[in-house]
Amino acid sequence: MSSNRSADSTRRPSPTRRAVLSAAAVAGCATALSPAAAHAAAPRIPAAPRQMRGLWIASVVNIDWPTRTGLDPAAQRAEFVQLADYALATGFNALFVQIRPTADAFWPSPHEPWSQWLSGSQGKDPGYDPLAFMVETAHARGLAFHAWFNPYRVSTQPDVSALVPDHPARTNPEWTVSYGGKLYYNPGVPAARRFCQTAMLDAITRYDIDGVHFDDYFYPYPVPGTDFPDEEAFRRYADGHTDKAAWRRHNVDLMVREMRDAIRAARPNALFGISPFGVWRNAATDPRGSNTTAFQSYDGLHADTRGWVQQGWLDYIAPQVYWHIGLTVADYAVLAPWWAETVRGTGTELWIGQAVYKSGAAGQPAPWQDGKELTRHLTLNATLPEIGGDLFFSAKDVRADRVGDFTTMRLAHWRQPVLGPLPARLEGRPLLPRPTVDVRRTSTDGSTTLHVTAGAHGSISTPFRYAIYRFSGKPGKRPDIATATLVAVIPGGLRATHVDSNPPTGESWYAVSSVDRLQRESKLSRPAHRSA
């Protein structure tokens, strides 16, 4: 993940709308419907708003989690629970967690050693399975869990002998390249590519994740005056290519396309997407490019990000458009529309990577200091229907919110709840029965408490979330769908409760849908009436 990169630099430094959500498991809650609701026909389901609201949680060099190495398992788990609780309370609906930052693992992998960012020592067992714990913790809160992998980076230092003795990069040194003070698997060595795929697929196959996520690290960012040392690999594996740059892009294309196919085979419902550097090519280089004068991922990283969208290899693309509106070399107001045009008609979801780490940071230009830049970004996004949400980098900066930029954005754009995105290939009716709901009005403060119970269950999946709709007036045979308001999306389970603390005056009624892990909705419950 780009933690700090100027649009025209060539080196990388080191490393909704608000919903009021209330959901708790309520044992033995009453489910009886009011007489009016019992005889009313179940309403048709309104079209719920959908948006990705994703939080990046980086583990490399302990950026976000764990906050330092050597924490005992209880402390590590407590930190992650705190992060997940914060994400839920703040309005996020998905976590993107880095689980393979440097050819290592945050799970007991048979292929690669335990990550040093857990214990401080590569290969040391942390005493529990972090990935299993994180997936369970996220899902219990109705948060999607996307496993974030770095395909080729082996180490943040260049010496292969510094790895644990049985590290695959050490036992297969011909797979590796030292470049720019770091160690990488060479994307041009077929055996290295296949090994990386095998290592990642172990987690994808064994854990109940919702998505597979790559960031912008393919071929490394170039070091001025020093070419990536892959001449020998080019001689051995060129396979008819005469242009090295085209061969490098071919190698990355193979990784992306083959991973797409392998993920679909192993976990068909998991999303696969990439968060690339925000500029594909400049228009001066390629007329299909953006009106920018920045570093180009196509040429510098050999990542044909536009091509992947056009080929349909991704469920989503989340470009890191980490620059402010008005920046000459890479203007957010230029790049967001360019990406919207790029995905138009392709079926690929578009989410924008947002640079919260720049907000209020020393040395950043004035637009990042007034606490309103993220709001300006999402205001522009709202004019582009192709943009289906945002990812925010990263968790520690979102929580620090140094100049209130994130909070201002959230209050301006995340006041209304949303369901998560649903790519077209996964649409369809879920195997979830409609829930039942009982409404109780609290006379002391006028709030309304809804007790929701899953419908018939057993072999059918438990709802992942519930979507709560409020209608005006009395329920009838033909409810006015236009009056429906999505008032909350809450974590699921067999039972849940939600308090509508500020219902409108006059009569109103509620209906609830069950939502599965893919964000598909069941039919609405029968109406639950609230008297004025």
Protein backbone atom coordinates (compact mmCIF):
# COMPACT_ATOMS: atom_id res chain seq x y z
CA MET A 1 0.00 0.00 0.00
CA SER A 2 1.25 3.45 -0.83
CA SER A 3 1.77 4.93 2.57
CA ASN A 4 3.24 8.15 1.26
CA ARG A 5 3.98 8.86 -2.39
CA SER A 6 4.15 12.08 -4.32
CA ALA A 7 2.51 11.87 -7.71
CA ASP A 8 5.67 12.92 -9.51
CA SER A 9 8.17 11.13 -7.27
CA THR A 10 10.01 7.99 -8.22
CA ARG A 11 10.80 6.63 -4.78
CA ARG A 12 8.45 5.47 -2.07
CA PRO A 13 9.16 6.47 1.54
CA SER A 14 9.06 3.83 4.26
CA PRO A 15 6.46 2.96 5.78
CA THR A 16 -22.09 6.24 5.03
CA ARG A 17 -23.16 8.33 5.49
CA ARG A 18 -23.20 7.76 9.16
CA ALA A 19 -25.40 5.01 10.55
CA VAL A 20 -26.34 4.73 14.21
CA LEU A 21 -25.98 1.00 14.66
CA SER A 22 -27.24 -0.91 17.66
CA ALA A 23 -27.32 -4.68 17.57
CA ALA A 24 -27.02 -7.12 20.40
CA ALA A 25 -27.99 -10.75 20.64
CA VAL A 26 -31.23 -10.84 22.59
CA ALA A 27 -32.05 -14.24 24.00
CA GLY A 28 -35.70 -15.19 24.05
CA CYS A 29 -37.03 -11.92 22.62
CA ALA A 30 -40.74 -11.78 21.76
CA THR A 31 -41.62 -12.03 18.09
CA ALA A 32 -45.37 -11.58 18.06
CA LEU A 33 -46.62 -9.17 15.39
CA SER A 34 -49.29 -6.56 15.88
CA PRO A 35 -52.74 -7.48 14.53
CA ALA A 36 -52.41 -4.96 11.73
CA ALA A 37 -49.08 -6.43 10.66
CA ALA A 38 -50.24 -10.00 10.90
CA HIS A 39 -52.82 -9.54 8.17
CA ALA A 40 -50.87 -7.27 5.86
CA ALA A 41 -49.09 -8.61 2.83
CA ALA A 42 -45.29 -8.58 3.01
CA PRO A 43 -44.12 -5.49 1.14
CA ARG A 44 -41.87 -5.57 -1.86
CA ILE A 45 -38.29 -4.82 -1.04
CA PRO A 46 -37.10 -1.27 -1.76
CA ALA A 47 -33.82 -0.69 -3.56
CA ALA A 48 -31.36 -0.25 -0.71
CA PRO A 49 -28.44 2.09 -1.22
CA ARG A 50 -25.14 0.25 -1.59
CA GLN A 51 -21.63 1.48 -0.96
CA MET A 52 -18.22 0.14 -0.04
CA ARG A 53 -16.96 1.75 3.16
CA GLY A 54 -13.67 -0.04 3.68
CA LEU A 55 -10.88 0.35 6.22
CA TRP A 56 -7.32 -0.71 5.44
CA ILE A 57 -5.50 -2.34 8.38
CA ALA A 58 -1.78 -2.61 7.61
CA SER A 59 0.51 -5.01 9.45
CA VAL A 60 3.86 -4.37 7.76
CA VAL A 61 6.23 -2.62 10.20
CA ASN A 62 3.27 -2.63 12.61
CA ILE A 63 1.57 0.36 10.95
CA ASP A 64 -1.89 -0.48 12.33
CA TRP A 65 -2.03 -3.92 13.89
CA PRO A 66 -0.47 -5.27 16.00
CA THR A 67 0.72 -1.87 17.19
CA ARG A 68 4.07 -3.41 18.10
CA THR A 69 5.75 -6.80 17.99
CA GLY A 70 5.84 -9.11 20.96
CA LEU A 71 2.37 -8.45 22.35
CA ASP A 72 0.93 -11.60 23.91
CA PRO A 73 -2.05 -13.24 22.18
CA ALA A 74 -4.59 -11.68 24.53
CA ALA A 75 -3.24 -8.19 23.87
CA GLN A 76 -3.16 -8.75 20.11
CA ARG A 77 -6.74 -10.00 20.13
CA ALA A 78 -7.87 -7.10 22.30
CA GLU A 79 -6.33 -4.60 19.89
CA PHE A 80 -8.08 -6.16 16.93
CA VAL A 81 -11.43 -6.29 18.72
CA GLN A 82 -11.03 -2.59 19.48
CA LEU A 83 -10.34 -1.90 15.80
CA ALA A 84 -13.37 -3.92 14.68
CA ASP A 85 -15.64 -2.24 17.23
CA TYR A 86 -14.41 1.16 16.11
CA ALA A 87 -15.01 0.30 12.45
CA LEU A 88 -18.56 -0.84 13.17
CA ALA A 89 -19.44 2.18 15.31
CA THR A 90 -17.98 4.58 12.76
CA GLY A 91 -19.89 3.24 9.78
CA PHE A 92 -17.39 1.01 7.96
CA ASN A 93 -18.73 -2.20 6.47
CA ALA A 94 -15.52 -3.97 5.44
CA LEU A 95 -12.01 -4.55 6.76
CA PHE A 96 -9.03 -5.01 4.42
CA VAL A 97 -6.38 -6.66 6.58
CA GLN A 98 -2.79 -7.29 5.48
CA ILE A 99 -2.10 -10.96 6.22
CA ARG A 100 0.94 -11.64 3.98
CA PRO A 101 3.03 -8.46 4.04
CA THR A 102 6.51 -9.92 3.36
CA ALA A 103 6.29 -13.49 2.06
CA ASP A 104 5.18 -14.55 5.52
CA ALA A 105 1.90 -15.48 7.15
CA PHE A 106 -0.62 -14.39 9.74
CA TRP A 107 -1.93 -17.94 9.81
CA PRO A 108 -0.26 -21.34 10.30
CA SER A 109 0.94 -21.71 6.72
CA PRO A 110 2.60 -24.90 5.50
CA HIS A 111 4.46 -22.82 2.90
CA GLU A 112 5.80 -19.69 4.60
CA PRO A 113 6.97 -18.70 8.08
CA TRP A 114 4.99 -16.86 10.71
CA SER A 115 5.26 -13.11 10.20
CA GLN A 116 7.89 -11.22 12.16
CA TRP A 117 5.35 -8.42 12.65
CA LEU A 118 3.52 -10.60 15.17
CA SER A 119 6.27 -11.71 17.56
CA GLY A 120 9.29 -9.75 16.40
CA SER A 121 10.96 -12.94 15.18
CA GLN A 122 10.21 -14.46 11.81
CA GLY A 123 8.92 -18.02 12.14
CA LYS A 124 7.88 -17.74 15.79
CA ASP A 125 4.42 -19.14 16.52
CA PRO A 126 2.29 -16.38 18.09
CA GLY A 127 0.35 -18.94 20.14
CA TYR A 128 -2.95 -18.67 18.27
CA ASP A 129 -4.34 -18.36 14.74
CA PRO A 130 -4.63 -14.61 14.05
CA LEU A 131 -6.41 -15.00 10.72
CA ALA A 132 -9.09 -17.30 12.11
CA PHE A 133 -9.63 -14.90 15.01
CA MET A 134 -9.82 -11.84 12.77
CA VAL A 135 -12.31 -13.40 10.35
CA GLU A 136 -14.54 -14.52 13.22
CA THR A 137 -14.31 -11.12 14.93
CA ALA A 138 -15.22 -9.23 11.76
CA HIS A 139 -18.10 -11.50 10.84
CA ALA A 140 -19.61 -11.37 14.33
CA ARG A 141 -20.00 -7.62 13.74
CA GLY A 142 -21.41 -7.88 10.24
CA LEU A 143 -18.14 -6.65 8.73
CA ALA A 144 -16.79 -8.19 5.53
CA PHE A 145 -13.21 -9.48 5.80
CA HIS A 146 -10.92 -8.99 2.79
CA ALA A 147 -7.54 -10.72 3.01
CA TRP A 148 -4.82 -8.39 1.76
CA PHE A 149 -1.77 -10.04 0.20
CA ASN A 150 1.50 -8.63 -1.16
CA PRO A 151 2.40 -11.06 -3.94
CA TYR A 152 6.15 -10.52 -4.47
CA ARG A 153 7.72 -8.64 -1.55
CA VAL A 154 9.93 -10.96 0.48
CA SER A 155 11.63 -8.65 2.97
CA THR A 156 12.08 -4.98 3.80
CA GLN A 157 15.84 -5.66 3.88
CA PRO A 158 17.95 -7.05 0.99
CA ASP A 159 19.85 -9.97 2.50
CA VAL A 160 18.37 -13.41 1.82
CA SER A 161 20.60 -14.92 4.53
CA ALA A 162 18.76 -12.82 7.14
CA LEU A 163 15.61 -14.91 6.59
CA VAL A 164 14.88 -17.99 8.67
CA PRO A 165 16.88 -20.98 7.35
CA ASP A 166 13.88 -22.81 5.89
CA HIS A 167 12.35 -19.77 4.21
CA PRO A 168 11.46 -20.66 0.59
CA ALA A 169 13.28 -17.56 -0.65
CA ARG A 170 16.42 -18.77 1.09
CA THR A 171 16.18 -22.35 -0.13
CA ASN A 172 15.38 -21.12 -3.67
CA PRO A 173 17.66 -18.08 -4.07
CA GLU A 174 17.22 -18.21 -7.85
CA TRP A 175 13.67 -16.96 -7.28
CA THR A 176 14.78 -13.76 -5.59
CA VAL A 177 16.06 -10.33 -6.54
CA SER A 178 17.61 -7.72 -4.26
CA TYR A 179 16.65 -4.22 -5.36
CA GLY A 180 16.37 -0.83 -3.71
CA GLY A 181 17.31 -2.15 -0.30
CA LYS A 182 14.59 -4.82 -0.29
CA LEU A 183 14.18 -8.43 -1.35
CA TYR A 184 11.58 -9.59 -3.88
CA TYR A 185 10.44 -12.72 -5.63
CA ASN A 186 11.20 -12.20 -9.32
CA PRO A 187 7.87 -11.94 -11.21
CA GLY A 188 9.65 -13.23 -14.33
CA VAL A 189 10.51 -16.61 -12.81
CA PRO A 190 7.54 -18.95 -13.39
CA ALA A 191 8.36 -21.16 -10.38
CA ALA A 192 8.42 -18.11 -8.12
CA ARG A 193 5.05 -16.92 -9.44
CA ARG A 194 3.48 -20.33 -8.96
CA PHE A 195 4.86 -20.58 -5.44
CA CYS A 196 3.42 -17.19 -4.47
CA GLN A 197 0.04 -18.28 -5.82
CA THR A 198 0.19 -21.53 -3.85
CA ALA A 199 1.12 -19.72 -0.65
CA MET A 200 -1.77 -17.26 -0.99
CA LEU A 201 -4.29 -19.90 -2.03
CA ASP A 202 -3.64 -21.80 1.19
CA ALA A 203 -5.31 -19.01 3.17
CA ILE A 204 -7.97 -18.40 0.52
CA THR A 205 -8.99 -22.06 0.55
CA ARG A 206 -8.89 -22.66 4.31
CA TYR A 207 -10.44 -19.47 5.71
CA ASP A 208 -13.92 -18.09 5.22
CA ILE A 209 -12.84 -14.77 3.77
CA ASP A 210 -15.00 -12.41 1.73
CA GLY A 211 -12.36 -11.11 -0.63
CA VAL A 212 -8.78 -11.28 -1.89
CA HIS A 213 -7.00 -7.96 -2.15
CA PHE A 214 -3.71 -6.89 -3.78
CA ASP A 215 -2.23 -3.42 -3.47
CA ASP A 216 0.15 -1.58 -5.81
CA TYR A 217 3.32 -3.65 -5.30
CA PHE A 218 3.98 -5.65 -8.46
CA TYR A 219 7.38 -4.91 -9.95
CA PRO A 220 8.91 -2.59 -7.36
CA TYR A 221 8.89 1.17 -7.67
CA PRO A 222 11.99 2.05 -9.71
CA VAL A 223 15.15 3.35 -8.13
CA PRO A 224 16.51 6.25 -10.23
CA GLY A 225 19.38 5.11 -12.42
CA THR A 226 19.07 1.44 -11.48
CA ASP A 227 17.08 -1.06 -13.51
CA PHE A 228 15.43 -4.04 -11.87
CA PRO A 229 18.06 -6.83 -12.26
CA ASP A 230 16.13 -9.47 -14.19
CA GLU A 231 18.24 -9.82 -17.32
CA GLU A 232 18.97 -13.50 -16.68
CA ALA A 233 15.30 -14.29 -16.13
CA PHE A 234 14.48 -12.43 -19.34
CA ARG A 235 16.97 -14.56 -21.28
CA ARG A 236 15.60 -17.79 -19.81
CA TYR A 237 11.87 -17.10 -19.75
CA ALA A 238 11.19 -14.48 -22.43
CA ASP A 239 9.08 -17.00 -24.36
CA GLY A 240 9.21 -15.03 -27.58
CA HIS A 241 9.07 -11.56 -26.05
CA THR A 242 11.71 -9.19 -27.40
CA ASP A 243 10.72 -6.13 -25.39
CA LYS A 244 11.52 -6.46 -21.70
CA ALA A 245 8.85 -3.99 -20.55
CA ALA A 246 6.15 -5.90 -22.44
CA TRP A 247 7.45 -9.17 -20.98
CA ARG A 248 7.28 -7.73 -17.47
CA ARG A 249 3.67 -6.65 -18.02
CA HIS A 250 2.93 -10.12 -19.35
CA ASN A 251 4.33 -11.64 -16.16
CA VAL A 252 2.12 -9.44 -13.97
CA ASP A 253 -0.87 -10.15 -16.21
CA LEU A 254 -0.30 -13.86 -15.66
CA MET A 255 -0.31 -13.39 -11.89
CA VAL A 256 -3.56 -11.41 -11.99
CA ARG A 257 -5.44 -13.62 -14.45
CA GLU A 258 -4.30 -16.90 -12.92
CA MET A 259 -5.18 -15.72 -9.42
CA ARG A 260 -8.61 -14.66 -10.62
CA ASP A 261 -9.19 -18.14 -12.01
CA ALA A 262 -7.81 -19.90 -8.93
CA ILE A 263 -9.87 -17.78 -6.52
CA ARG A 264 -13.07 -18.39 -8.49
CA ALA A 265 -12.37 -22.13 -8.36
CA ALA A 266 -11.49 -22.23 -4.66
CA ARG A 267 -13.94 -19.66 -3.28
CA PRO A 268 -16.42 -18.59 -5.98
CA ASN A 269 -18.20 -16.00 -3.86
CA ALA A 270 -15.05 -14.16 -2.79
CA LEU A 271 -14.34 -10.85 -4.48
CA PHE A 272 -10.98 -10.33 -6.14
CA GLY A 273 -9.66 -6.82 -6.55
CA ILE A 274 -6.59 -4.65 -6.70
CA SER A 275 -5.72 -1.21 -5.35
CA PRO A 276 -3.17 0.12 -7.83
CA PHE A 277 -1.24 3.36 -8.02
CA GLY A 278 -3.75 6.01 -9.07
CA VAL A 279 -2.33 6.85 -12.51
CA TRP A 280 -2.37 4.28 -15.29
CA ARG A 281 -0.71 6.44 -17.98
CA ASN A 282 -0.59 10.13 -18.76
CA ALA A 283 -2.39 11.40 -21.86
CA ALA A 284 0.87 12.76 -23.25
CA THR A 285 2.16 9.17 -23.31
CA ASP A 286 -1.07 7.48 -24.35
CA PRO A 287 -4.24 9.30 -25.53
CA ARG A 288 -6.30 6.85 -23.48
CA GLY A 289 -4.57 8.05 -20.33
CA SER A 290 -5.50 10.74 -17.84
CA ASN A 291 -4.71 14.44 -18.13
CA THR A 292 -1.89 14.13 -15.61
CA THR A 293 1.90 14.34 -15.62
CA ALA A 294 2.64 11.81 -12.89
CA PHE A 295 4.39 8.49 -12.39
CA GLN A 296 2.71 5.82 -14.54
CA SER A 297 1.92 2.37 -13.19
CA TYR A 298 1.82 0.85 -16.69
CA ASP A 299 5.42 1.86 -17.36
CA GLY A 300 6.94 2.10 -13.87
CA LEU A 301 5.36 -0.94 -12.18
CA HIS A 302 4.49 -2.87 -15.35
CA ALA A 303 0.92 -3.03 -14.09
CA ASP A 304 -1.66 -2.65 -16.86
CA THR A 305 -4.42 -1.67 -14.49
CA ARG A 306 -6.73 -0.35 -17.20
CA GLY A 307 -6.23 -3.55 -19.18
CA TRP A 308 -7.28 -5.71 -16.23
CA VAL A 309 -10.55 -3.79 -16.03
CA GLN A 310 -11.14 -4.06 -19.76
CA GLN A 311 -10.41 -7.80 -19.72
CA GLY A 312 -12.83 -8.39 -16.85
CA TRP A 313 -10.21 -9.98 -14.60
CA LEU A 314 -11.29 -8.13 -11.44
CA ASP A 315 -14.46 -7.81 -9.41
CA TYR A 316 -13.34 -4.34 -8.36
CA ILE A 317 -10.52 -1.87 -8.75
CA ALA A 318 -9.67 0.60 -6.00
CA PRO A 319 -7.09 3.06 -7.37
CA GLN A 320 -5.08 4.97 -4.81
CA VAL A 321 -6.07 8.49 -5.81
CA TYR A 322 -4.03 9.94 -2.98
CA TRP A 323 -3.88 13.54 -4.16
CA HIS A 324 -5.86 16.66 -3.48
CA ILE A 325 -8.23 18.46 -5.80
CA GLY A 326 -6.23 20.97 -7.80
CA LEU A 327 -2.83 19.24 -7.70
CA THR A 328 -1.30 20.03 -11.08
CA VAL A 329 0.46 16.72 -11.77
CA ALA A 330 -2.34 14.45 -10.51
CA ASP A 331 -5.62 16.22 -9.78
CA TYR A 332 -8.22 14.18 -7.89
CA ALA A 333 -10.88 16.02 -9.91
CA VAL A 334 -9.27 14.67 -13.09
CA LEU A 335 -8.51 11.13 -11.95
CA ALA A 336 -11.84 10.23 -10.32
CA PRO A 337 -13.76 10.91 -13.58
CA TRP A 338 -11.07 9.12 -15.60
CA TRP A 339 -11.44 5.98 -13.51
CA ALA A 340 -15.24 6.26 -13.70
CA GLU A 341 -15.00 6.30 -17.48
CA THR A 342 -12.55 3.40 -17.42
CA VAL A 343 -14.92 1.05 -15.57
CA ARG A 344 -18.08 2.21 -17.36
CA GLY A 345 -19.81 -0.74 -18.98
CA THR A 346 -17.26 -3.30 -17.78
CA GLY A 347 -19.03 -4.74 -14.73
CA THR A 348 -16.00 -3.93 -12.58
CA GLU A 349 -16.80 -2.14 -9.34
CA LEU A 350 -14.91 1.11 -8.71
CA TRP A 351 -13.93 2.15 -5.19
CA ILE A 352 -11.51 5.00 -4.57
CA GLY A 353 -8.52 4.70 -2.25
CA GLN A 354 -8.45 7.74 0.08
CA ALA A 355 -5.28 9.08 1.74
CA VAL A 356 -6.41 9.81 5.30
CA TYR A 357 -2.75 9.62 6.31
CA LYS A 358 -2.19 12.97 4.58
CA SER A 359 -4.88 14.81 6.55
CA GLY A 360 -3.20 17.21 8.94
CA ALA A 361 0.21 15.63 8.37
CA ALA A 362 3.26 17.87 8.58
CA GLY A 363 4.53 18.92 5.18
CA GLN A 364 1.31 18.25 3.30
CA PRO A 365 -0.09 21.17 1.27
CA ALA A 366 -2.91 23.44 2.42
CA PRO A 367 -5.86 21.37 1.10
CA TRP A 368 -4.90 18.58 3.51
CA GLN A 369 -4.80 20.95 6.47
CA ASP A 370 -8.31 22.45 6.52
CA GLY A 371 -10.15 19.28 7.52
CA LYS A 372 -12.40 19.28 4.44
CA GLU A 373 -10.46 17.56 1.65
CA LEU A 374 -12.04 14.13 2.10
CA THR A 375 -15.48 15.75 2.09
CA ARG A 376 -14.62 17.45 -1.19
CA HIS A 377 -13.56 14.09 -2.62
CA LEU A 378 -16.77 12.30 -1.71
CA THR A 379 -18.87 15.24 -2.87
CA LEU A 380 -17.23 14.86 -6.28
CA ASN A 381 -17.66 11.08 -6.15
CA ALA A 382 -21.40 11.54 -5.67
CA THR A 383 -21.61 13.07 -9.15
CA LEU A 384 -20.06 9.93 -10.70
CA PRO A 385 -22.43 6.95 -10.45
CA GLU A 386 -19.68 4.50 -11.37
CA ILE A 387 -17.94 5.15 -8.04
CA GLY A 388 -19.36 2.65 -5.59
CA GLY A 389 -17.49 3.59 -2.43
CA ASP A 390 -14.11 4.22 -0.87
CA LEU A 391 -11.26 2.57 1.02
CA PHE A 392 -9.41 4.58 3.67
CA PHE A 393 -5.69 4.27 4.42
CA SER A 394 -5.12 3.53 7.13
CA ALA A 395 -6.72 2.61 10.45
CA LYS A 396 -4.37 4.53 12.75
CA ASP A 397 -4.78 7.72 10.74
CA VAL A 398 -8.55 7.35 10.55
CA ARG A 399 -8.66 7.02 14.33
CA ALA A 400 -6.20 9.88 14.91
CA ASP A 401 -8.18 12.17 12.56
CA ARG A 402 -5.71 14.95 13.23
CA VAL A 403 -7.73 17.85 11.75
CA GLY A 404 -11.17 16.23 11.82
CA ASP A 405 -11.10 15.47 8.09
CA PHE A 406 -12.53 11.98 8.40
CA THR A 407 -15.21 12.98 10.91
CA THR A 408 -16.34 15.89 8.75
CA MET A 409 -16.58 13.59 5.73
CA ARG A 410 -18.45 10.94 7.70
CA LEU A 411 -21.04 13.40 9.01
CA ALA A 412 -21.51 14.88 5.55
CA HIS A 413 -21.66 11.65 3.53
CA TRP A 414 -22.26 8.68 5.84
CA ARG A 415 -25.35 9.80 7.76
CA GLN A 416 -27.51 7.24 6.00
CA PRO A 417 -26.82 3.50 6.36
CA VAL A 418 -26.01 1.38 3.34
CA LEU A 419 -25.60 -2.23 2.34
CA GLY A 420 -22.29 -3.34 0.96
CA PRO A 421 -21.64 -3.60 -2.78
CA LEU A 422 -23.00 -6.53 -4.76
CA PRO A 423 -21.17 -7.23 -8.04
CA ALA A 424 -23.45 -8.31 -10.86
CA ARG A 425 -21.97 -11.81 -11.07
CA LEU A 426 -23.15 -12.55 -7.51
CA GLU A 427 -26.66 -11.17 -7.74
CA GLY A 428 -29.58 -13.46 -6.95
CA ARG A 429 -31.96 -14.35 -4.16
CA PRO A 430 -30.14 -15.58 -1.02
CA LEU A 431 -30.99 -18.78 0.78
CA LEU A 432 -32.33 -16.79 3.73
CA PRO A 433 -35.92 -16.77 4.93
CA ARG A 434 -37.61 -13.49 5.70
CA PRO A 435 -37.16 -12.53 9.35
CA THR A 436 -39.85 -11.60 11.85
CA VAL A 437 -39.88 -8.36 13.80
CA ASP A 438 -41.63 -7.12 16.92
CA VAL A 439 -41.87 -3.38 17.57
CA ARG A 440 -42.10 -1.82 21.01
CA ARG A 441 -42.47 1.87 21.58
CA THR A 442 -40.86 3.45 24.64
CA SER A 443 -43.26 6.07 25.91
CA THR A 444 -40.71 7.91 28.04
CA ASP A 445 -38.50 9.16 25.20
CA GLY A 446 -40.51 8.31 22.09
CA SER A 447 -37.97 5.86 20.74
CA THR A 448 -38.91 2.62 19.07
CA THR A 449 -37.23 -0.70 19.83
CA LEU A 450 -37.29 -3.43 17.21
CA HIS A 451 -36.62 -7.04 18.13
CA VAL A 452 -35.65 -9.06 15.07
CA THR A 453 -35.64 -12.83 14.84
CA ALA A 454 -34.32 -14.91 11.98
CA GLY A 455 -36.92 -16.86 10.08
CA ALA A 456 -36.93 -20.63 9.93
CA HIS A 457 -33.37 -21.83 10.23
CA GLY A 458 -31.38 -24.98 10.59
CA SER A 459 -29.47 -25.89 7.47
CA ILE A 460 -30.08 -22.39 6.09
CA SER A 461 -27.43 -19.81 6.84
CA THR A 462 -27.88 -17.43 9.74
CA PRO A 463 -28.36 -13.83 8.53
CA PHE A 464 -25.10 -11.90 8.31
CA ARG A 465 -26.84 -8.56 8.71
CA TYR A 466 -30.35 -7.14 8.93
CA ALA A 467 -31.61 -4.15 6.95
CA ILE A 468 -34.34 -2.19 8.73
CA TYR A 469 -36.82 -0.14 6.72
CA ARG A 470 -39.35 2.38 8.03
CA PHE A 471 -42.57 3.27 6.21
CA SER A 472 -44.95 6.15 6.88
CA GLY A 473 -48.61 5.68 7.72
CA LYS A 474 -50.42 2.42 8.35
CA PRO A 475 -49.43 -0.83 6.67
CA GLY A 476 -51.76 -1.91 3.91
CA LYS A 477 -52.06 -4.35 1.09
CA ARG A 478 -50.20 -2.02 -1.25
CA PRO A 479 -47.58 -0.18 0.77
CA ASP A 480 -46.08 2.94 -0.70
CA ILE A 481 -42.53 1.83 -1.44
CA ALA A 482 -41.57 5.44 -2.14
CA THR A 483 -41.97 6.23 1.56
CA ALA A 484 -39.50 3.53 2.67
CA THR A 485 -36.41 4.72 4.51
CA LEU A 486 -33.46 2.45 5.28
CA VAL A 487 -32.93 3.41 8.91
CA ALA A 488 -30.25 0.91 9.91
CA VAL A 489 -28.10 -2.01 8.79
CA ILE A 490 -27.12 -4.04 11.83
CA PRO A 491 -25.12 -7.20 12.53
CA GLY A 492 -27.12 -10.38 12.06
CA GLY A 493 -27.48 -13.57 14.03
CA LEU A 494 -30.54 -15.50 15.13
CA ARG A 495 -31.76 -12.51 17.14
CA ALA A 496 -30.90 -8.83 17.14
CA THR A 497 -32.30 -5.56 18.41
CA HIS A 498 -32.25 -2.00 17.15
CA VAL A 499 -33.43 1.23 18.72
CA ASP A 500 -34.85 3.86 16.39
CA SER A 501 -34.17 6.78 18.70
CA ASN A 502 -35.81 9.49 16.62
CA PRO A 503 -38.77 8.12 14.67
CA PRO A 504 -41.03 10.60 12.87
CA THR A 505 -44.22 11.87 14.41
CA GLY A 506 -47.38 10.18 13.25
CA GLU A 507 -47.94 6.56 12.43
CA SER A 508 -45.19 4.47 10.94
CA TRP A 509 -44.30 0.84 10.50
CA TYR A 510 -41.22 -1.26 9.92
CA ALA A 511 -40.12 -4.19 7.81
CA VAL A 512 -36.79 -6.01 7.92
CA SER A 513 -34.81 -8.05 5.43
CA SER A 514 -32.14 -10.63 6.14
CA VAL A 515 -28.83 -9.97 4.38
CA ASP A 516 -26.35 -12.68 3.54
CA ARG A 517 -22.55 -12.48 3.33
CA LEU A 518 -22.75 -11.44 -0.32
CA GLN A 519 -25.04 -8.54 0.64
CA ARG A 520 -28.09 -10.10 -1.02
CA GLU A 521 -31.41 -9.48 0.68
CA SER A 522 -34.26 -11.80 1.55
CA LYS A 523 -37.88 -10.80 1.11
CA LEU A 524 -39.04 -8.25 3.65
CA SER A 525 -40.67 -9.37 6.86
CA ARG A 526 -44.34 -8.76 7.37
CA PRO A 527 -45.03 -5.24 8.60
CA ALA A 528 -44.51 -4.39 12.26
CA HIS A 529 -46.73 -1.46 13.27
CA ARG A 530 -45.84 1.44 15.54
CA SER A 531 -48.79 3.50 16.74
CA ALA A 532 -48.47 7.28 16.99
